[in-house]
């Protein structure tokens, strides 16, 4: 178990990593007995720090919704993180150089909620009824915690990922909202390109067989701790592609067909002052 002091130290390490762009070590290695509840406690304390600094919660992200990713981490449930106003980018935005450490992107279907979702009995049907509109989205992932410990070779665990706000760092939403009526989200797909080259394709069915099921899972989990998905919240329902690396200069386009497109670019790093 992590003590209050341990949690505070973890939050400080995550904040320092974000500010300096130097990743911190595996929490799971420093605390071998760390549990998922401990990890969510770290995440909550990190979010509380952001709110105290003037940030605002705009929604949620759901991760580890594909069978492949769950098997890779030897789990059978998704995880979740918090979306803050400072993470939001408009469609076509250029992400400033140095904003992230090791950015990657995933293609997702975002739900914009109109009615409060709370309770242990929320169903996918209830999620669809409570949804104002859907929009194509890119999630920008970043890792404030190392993916692999350089000394031991140990890879991060689900606890590291959850503590690191489920690796969430940004969200880019499309500008073409779609009402959810009569749409089979399992068949919404995306072709995702980097610099004009197709890197990944996928279907909504890769998200627990239906993205609304992931949102229902989130509402049920939040209700355990007295929380809810509130009106106006944006919910990233989970990726149906593998993460795509985004080195400086990358241009990403996700083509969702009739569902719309969403794109962003990552600015080139500025040359060193002494470079010739």
Protein backbone atom coordinates (compact mmCIF):
# COMPACT_ATOMS: atom_id res chain seq x y z
CA UNK A 1 0.00 0.00 0.00
CA UNK A 2 1.11 3.58 -0.65
CA UNK A 3 1.13 6.04 2.22
CA UNK A 4 -0.01 9.64 1.89
CA UNK A 5 3.64 10.62 1.73
CA UNK A 6 4.27 8.10 -1.07
CA UNK A 7 1.34 9.47 -3.07
CA UNK A 8 2.52 13.06 -2.63
CA UNK A 9 6.04 12.08 -3.75
CA UNK A 10 4.63 10.33 -6.83
CA UNK A 11 2.57 13.40 -7.76
CA UNK A 12 5.63 15.61 -7.38
CA UNK A 13 7.65 13.24 -9.62
CA UNK A 14 4.95 13.24 -12.30
CA UNK A 15 4.68 17.02 -12.21
CA UNK A 16 8.44 17.42 -12.44
CA UNK A 17 8.61 15.00 -15.38
CA UNK A 18 5.94 16.98 -17.22
CA UNK A 19 7.68 20.31 -16.59
CA UNK A 20 11.23 19.18 -17.39
CA UNK A 21 10.36 16.60 -20.09
CA UNK A 22 12.53 14.07 -18.24
CA UNK A 23 10.61 10.91 -17.39
CA UNK A 24 10.45 9.56 -13.86
CA UNK A 25 11.01 5.94 -12.84
CA UNK A 26 8.49 3.13 -12.57
CA UNK A 27 6.25 3.54 -9.54
CA UNK A 28 5.56 -0.18 -9.65
CA UNK A 29 9.28 -0.84 -9.21
CA UNK A 30 9.65 1.61 -6.33
CA UNK A 31 6.48 0.22 -4.69
CA UNK A 32 6.19 -3.52 -5.52
CA UNK A 33 2.96 -3.86 -3.52
CA UNK A 34 1.23 -1.04 -5.40
CA UNK A 35 -2.41 -1.74 -6.27
CA UNK A 36 -4.77 -0.28 -8.87
CA UNK A 37 -6.55 1.58 -6.06
CA UNK A 38 -3.20 3.11 -5.08
CA UNK A 39 -2.63 4.11 -8.70
CA UNK A 40 -6.00 5.83 -8.96
CA UNK A 41 -5.21 7.61 -5.66
CA UNK A 42 -2.04 9.00 -7.26
CA UNK A 43 -4.00 10.02 -10.35
CA UNK A 44 -6.65 11.76 -8.22
CA UNK A 45 -4.01 13.64 -6.26
CA UNK A 46 -2.31 14.69 -9.50
CA UNK A 47 -5.64 15.96 -10.88
CA UNK A 48 -6.32 17.81 -7.61
CA UNK A 49 -2.99 19.57 -8.03
CA UNK A 50 -3.94 20.62 -11.55
CA UNK A 51 -7.31 21.92 -10.38
CA UNK A 52 -5.61 23.93 -7.64
CA UNK A 53 -3.48 25.50 -10.36
CA UNK A 54 -6.63 26.66 -12.18
CA UNK A 55 -7.25 23.80 -14.60
CA UNK A 56 -10.77 22.51 -15.26
CA UNK A 57 -12.10 18.99 -15.91
CA UNK A 58 -13.72 18.69 -19.35
CA UNK A 59 -14.20 14.93 -19.48
CA UNK A 60 -12.64 11.50 -19.36
CA UNK A 61 -10.54 9.07 -21.35
CA UNK A 62 -10.95 5.31 -21.34
CA UNK A 63 -7.97 3.14 -22.15
CA UNK A 64 -7.02 -0.50 -22.53
CA UNK A 65 -10.30 -1.33 -24.21
CA UNK A 66 -8.88 -3.68 -26.83
CA UNK A 67 -8.34 -7.36 -26.13
CA UNK A 68 -4.76 -7.17 -27.37
CA UNK A 69 -3.80 -4.38 -24.96
CA UNK A 70 -5.52 -6.08 -22.02
CA UNK A 71 -3.68 -9.33 -22.73
CA UNK A 72 -0.39 -7.45 -22.98
CA UNK A 73 -0.85 -6.12 -19.43
CA UNK A 74 -2.53 -9.28 -18.11
CA UNK A 75 -5.76 -7.53 -17.12
CA UNK A 76 -9.39 -7.92 -18.10
CA UNK A 77 -10.76 -4.39 -17.53
CA UNK A 78 -10.13 -0.95 -19.03
CA UNK A 79 -8.57 1.97 -17.20
CA UNK A 80 -9.48 5.66 -17.18
CA UNK A 81 -7.99 9.12 -16.89
CA UNK A 82 -9.16 12.72 -16.68
CA UNK A 83 -9.33 15.29 -19.49
CA UNK A 84 -8.40 18.84 -18.52
CA UNK A 85 -9.07 22.05 -20.42
CA UNK A 86 -5.33 22.51 -20.99
CA UNK A 87 -5.27 19.25 -22.97
CA UNK A 88 -7.78 20.32 -25.65
CA UNK A 89 -6.66 21.10 -29.21
CA UNK A 90 -8.88 22.14 -32.10
CA UNK A 91 -9.02 20.16 -35.32
CA UNK A 92 -5.97 20.98 -37.46
CA UNK A 93 -3.95 22.38 -34.56
CA UNK A 94 -0.17 22.48 -34.51
CA UNK A 95 1.07 21.13 -31.19
CA UNK A 96 3.89 23.41 -30.01
CA UNK A 97 7.43 22.04 -29.96
CA UNK A 98 8.41 20.77 -26.54
CA UNK A 99 4.84 20.41 -25.29
CA UNK A 100 5.15 16.64 -24.76
CA UNK A 101 7.88 14.11 -23.96
CA UNK A 102 7.17 11.16 -26.27
CA UNK A 103 3.83 11.91 -27.95
CA UNK A 104 1.84 9.22 -29.69
CA UNK A 105 -1.70 9.35 -31.07
CA UNK A 106 -4.69 7.04 -31.15
CA UNK A 107 -7.94 7.32 -33.11
CA UNK A 108 -11.15 7.23 -31.10
CA UNK A 109 -14.84 8.04 -31.08
CA UNK A 110 -15.60 10.85 -28.63
CA UNK A 111 -18.97 11.10 -26.87
CA UNK A 112 -20.23 14.54 -25.83
CA UNK A 113 -22.73 13.98 -23.03
CA UNK A 114 -25.97 15.91 -22.52
CA UNK A 115 -27.50 14.03 -19.55
CA UNK A 116 -25.77 12.99 -16.32
CA UNK A 117 -24.62 9.36 -16.34
CA UNK A 118 -24.40 7.82 -12.89
CA UNK A 119 -25.15 4.48 -11.28
CA UNK A 120 -24.14 0.85 -11.28
CA UNK A 121 -26.78 -0.13 -13.82
CA UNK A 122 -25.84 2.16 -16.73
CA UNK A 123 -26.19 0.33 -20.05
CA UNK A 124 -24.81 1.08 -23.52
CA UNK A 125 -28.36 2.01 -24.55
CA UNK A 126 -28.52 4.55 -21.72
CA UNK A 127 -25.18 5.96 -22.85
CA UNK A 128 -26.46 6.47 -26.38
CA UNK A 129 -29.61 8.19 -25.09
CA UNK A 130 -27.52 10.49 -22.88
CA UNK A 131 -25.18 11.44 -25.72
CA UNK A 132 -25.67 14.83 -27.35
CA UNK A 133 -23.39 14.05 -30.28
CA UNK A 134 -20.38 12.04 -31.40
CA UNK A 135 -17.23 13.37 -32.99
CA UNK A 136 -14.04 11.83 -34.39
CA UNK A 137 -11.05 12.38 -32.15
CA UNK A 138 -7.35 11.84 -31.71
CA UNK A 139 -5.99 11.17 -28.27
CA UNK A 140 -2.45 12.37 -27.66
CA UNK A 141 -0.66 9.99 -25.34
CA UNK A 142 2.45 10.87 -23.39
CA UNK A 143 4.48 8.98 -20.83
CA UNK A 144 5.71 10.89 -17.82
CA UNK A 145 6.82 7.51 -16.45
CA UNK A 146 9.42 5.48 -18.36
CA UNK A 147 8.01 2.65 -20.45
CA UNK A 148 10.90 0.36 -19.50
CA UNK A 149 13.28 0.62 -16.56
CA UNK A 150 16.80 0.97 -18.04
CA UNK A 151 18.51 -0.97 -15.24
CA UNK A 152 16.20 -3.95 -14.81
CA UNK A 153 14.43 -4.07 -18.17
CA UNK A 154 11.11 -4.22 -16.36
CA UNK A 155 8.22 -2.73 -18.28
CA UNK A 156 5.58 -0.47 -16.81
CA UNK A 157 2.47 -2.10 -15.39
CA UNK A 158 -1.17 -1.13 -15.30
CA UNK A 159 -0.45 0.68 -12.01
CA UNK A 160 2.14 2.92 -13.66
CA UNK A 161 -0.24 3.68 -16.52
CA UNK A 162 -3.18 4.55 -14.26
CA UNK A 163 -1.06 6.73 -11.97
CA UNK A 164 0.18 8.58 -15.08
CA UNK A 165 -3.42 9.65 -15.83
CA UNK A 166 -3.80 6.61 -18.09
CA UNK A 167 -0.99 8.11 -20.23
CA UNK A 168 -3.33 10.87 -21.39
CA UNK A 169 -1.88 14.23 -22.37
CA UNK A 170 -4.12 15.75 -25.03
CA UNK A 171 -7.24 15.48 -27.15
CA UNK A 172 -7.98 16.74 -30.67
CA UNK A 173 -11.64 16.72 -31.64
CA UNK A 174 -13.09 16.93 -35.12
CA UNK A 175 -15.33 19.76 -36.24
CA UNK A 176 -18.15 17.61 -37.67
CA UNK A 177 -20.48 16.48 -34.83
CA UNK A 178 -22.83 13.60 -35.59
CA UNK A 179 -26.02 12.73 -33.74
CA UNK A 180 -25.96 9.15 -32.37
CA UNK A 181 -29.37 8.13 -33.71
CA UNK A 182 -29.33 4.90 -35.67
CA UNK A 183 -25.53 4.60 -35.89
CA UNK A 184 -23.85 1.23 -35.39
CA UNK A 185 -20.63 2.39 -33.75
CA UNK A 186 -19.03 -1.01 -34.22
CA UNK A 187 -18.71 -0.26 -37.94
CA UNK A 188 -17.29 3.25 -37.69
CA UNK A 189 -13.71 2.93 -38.85
CA UNK A 190 -10.70 5.13 -39.39
CA UNK A 191 -7.70 5.24 -41.69
CA UNK A 192 -4.90 6.99 -39.83
CA UNK A 193 -1.95 8.45 -41.74
CA UNK A 194 1.29 10.05 -40.67
CA UNK A 195 2.93 12.33 -43.21
CA UNK A 196 0.72 10.91 -45.95
CA UNK A 197 1.52 7.27 -45.20
CA UNK A 198 -1.22 5.00 -43.83
CA UNK A 199 -0.03 3.72 -40.46
CA UNK A 200 -3.14 2.10 -38.98
CA UNK A 201 -6.75 1.21 -39.67
CA UNK A 202 -9.43 -0.03 -37.31
CA UNK A 203 -13.10 -0.37 -36.43
CA UNK A 204 -15.14 0.73 -33.43
CA UNK A 205 -15.82 -2.92 -32.64
CA UNK A 206 -12.25 -3.08 -31.35
CA UNK A 207 -13.46 -1.15 -28.29
CA UNK A 208 -15.10 -3.84 -26.16
CA UNK A 209 -17.22 -4.74 -29.25
CA UNK A 210 -19.07 -1.40 -28.84
CA UNK A 211 -17.65 1.97 -27.72
CA UNK A 212 -20.79 2.79 -25.70
CA UNK A 213 -20.02 -0.23 -23.52
CA UNK A 214 -16.74 1.42 -22.53
CA UNK A 215 -18.57 4.62 -21.55
CA UNK A 216 -21.06 2.56 -19.50
CA UNK A 217 -18.11 0.91 -17.73
CA UNK A 218 -16.71 4.34 -16.86
CA UNK A 219 -20.02 5.59 -15.47
CA UNK A 220 -20.32 2.46 -13.34
CA UNK A 221 -16.75 2.81 -12.02
CA UNK A 222 -17.16 6.49 -11.18
CA UNK A 223 -20.40 5.80 -9.32
CA UNK A 224 -18.52 3.55 -6.89
CA UNK A 225 -16.60 6.60 -5.70
CA UNK A 226 -19.52 9.02 -5.78
CA UNK A 227 -18.69 10.44 -9.21
CA UNK A 228 -20.51 10.71 -12.51
CA UNK A 229 -20.12 11.68 -16.15
CA UNK A 230 -21.59 15.17 -16.19
CA UNK A 231 -23.45 17.06 -18.95
CA UNK A 232 -20.96 18.66 -21.32
CA UNK A 233 -18.23 16.14 -20.57
CA UNK A 234 -16.28 14.71 -23.48
CA UNK A 235 -15.52 11.00 -23.18
CA UNK A 236 -12.84 9.34 -25.28
CA UNK A 237 -14.25 5.84 -25.55
CA UNK A 238 -11.03 3.99 -26.32
CA UNK A 239 -8.70 3.45 -29.24
CA UNK A 240 -9.22 0.94 -32.02
CA UNK A 241 -5.70 1.34 -33.42
CA UNK A 242 -2.24 0.86 -31.94
CA UNK A 243 -0.50 4.06 -30.77
CA UNK A 244 1.37 5.89 -33.54
CA UNK A 245 4.65 7.59 -32.65
CA UNK A 246 4.70 11.32 -33.42
CA UNK A 247 8.24 12.71 -33.61
CA UNK A 248 8.63 16.45 -34.27
CA UNK A 249 7.35 17.43 -37.69
CA UNK A 250 4.70 14.69 -37.86
CA UNK A 251 1.37 15.44 -39.53
CA UNK A 252 -1.49 13.13 -38.50
CA UNK A 253 -4.80 12.69 -40.32
CA UNK A 254 -7.54 10.31 -39.21
CA UNK A 255 -10.13 9.73 -41.93
CA UNK A 256 -13.35 8.31 -40.47
CA UNK A 257 -15.16 8.31 -43.83
CA UNK A 258 -18.73 9.63 -43.57
CA UNK A 259 -18.11 10.23 -39.86
CA UNK A 260 -15.60 12.98 -40.66
CA UNK A 261 -11.89 13.63 -40.30
CA UNK A 262 -9.61 15.00 -37.60
CA UNK A 263 -5.99 16.07 -37.84
CA UNK A 264 -3.09 17.66 -36.02
CA UNK A 265 0.61 18.36 -36.53
CA UNK A 266 3.59 18.37 -34.20
CA UNK A 267 5.91 21.34 -34.64
CA UNK A 268 9.59 20.86 -35.35
CA UNK A 269 11.95 21.39 -32.44
CA UNK A 270 13.86 24.67 -32.68
CA UNK A 271 17.52 24.30 -33.63
CA UNK A 272 20.07 24.82 -30.87
CA UNK A 273 21.31 28.38 -30.65
CA UNK A 274 24.83 27.20 -31.48
CA UNK A 275 23.82 25.22 -34.54
CA UNK A 276 25.15 26.44 -37.91
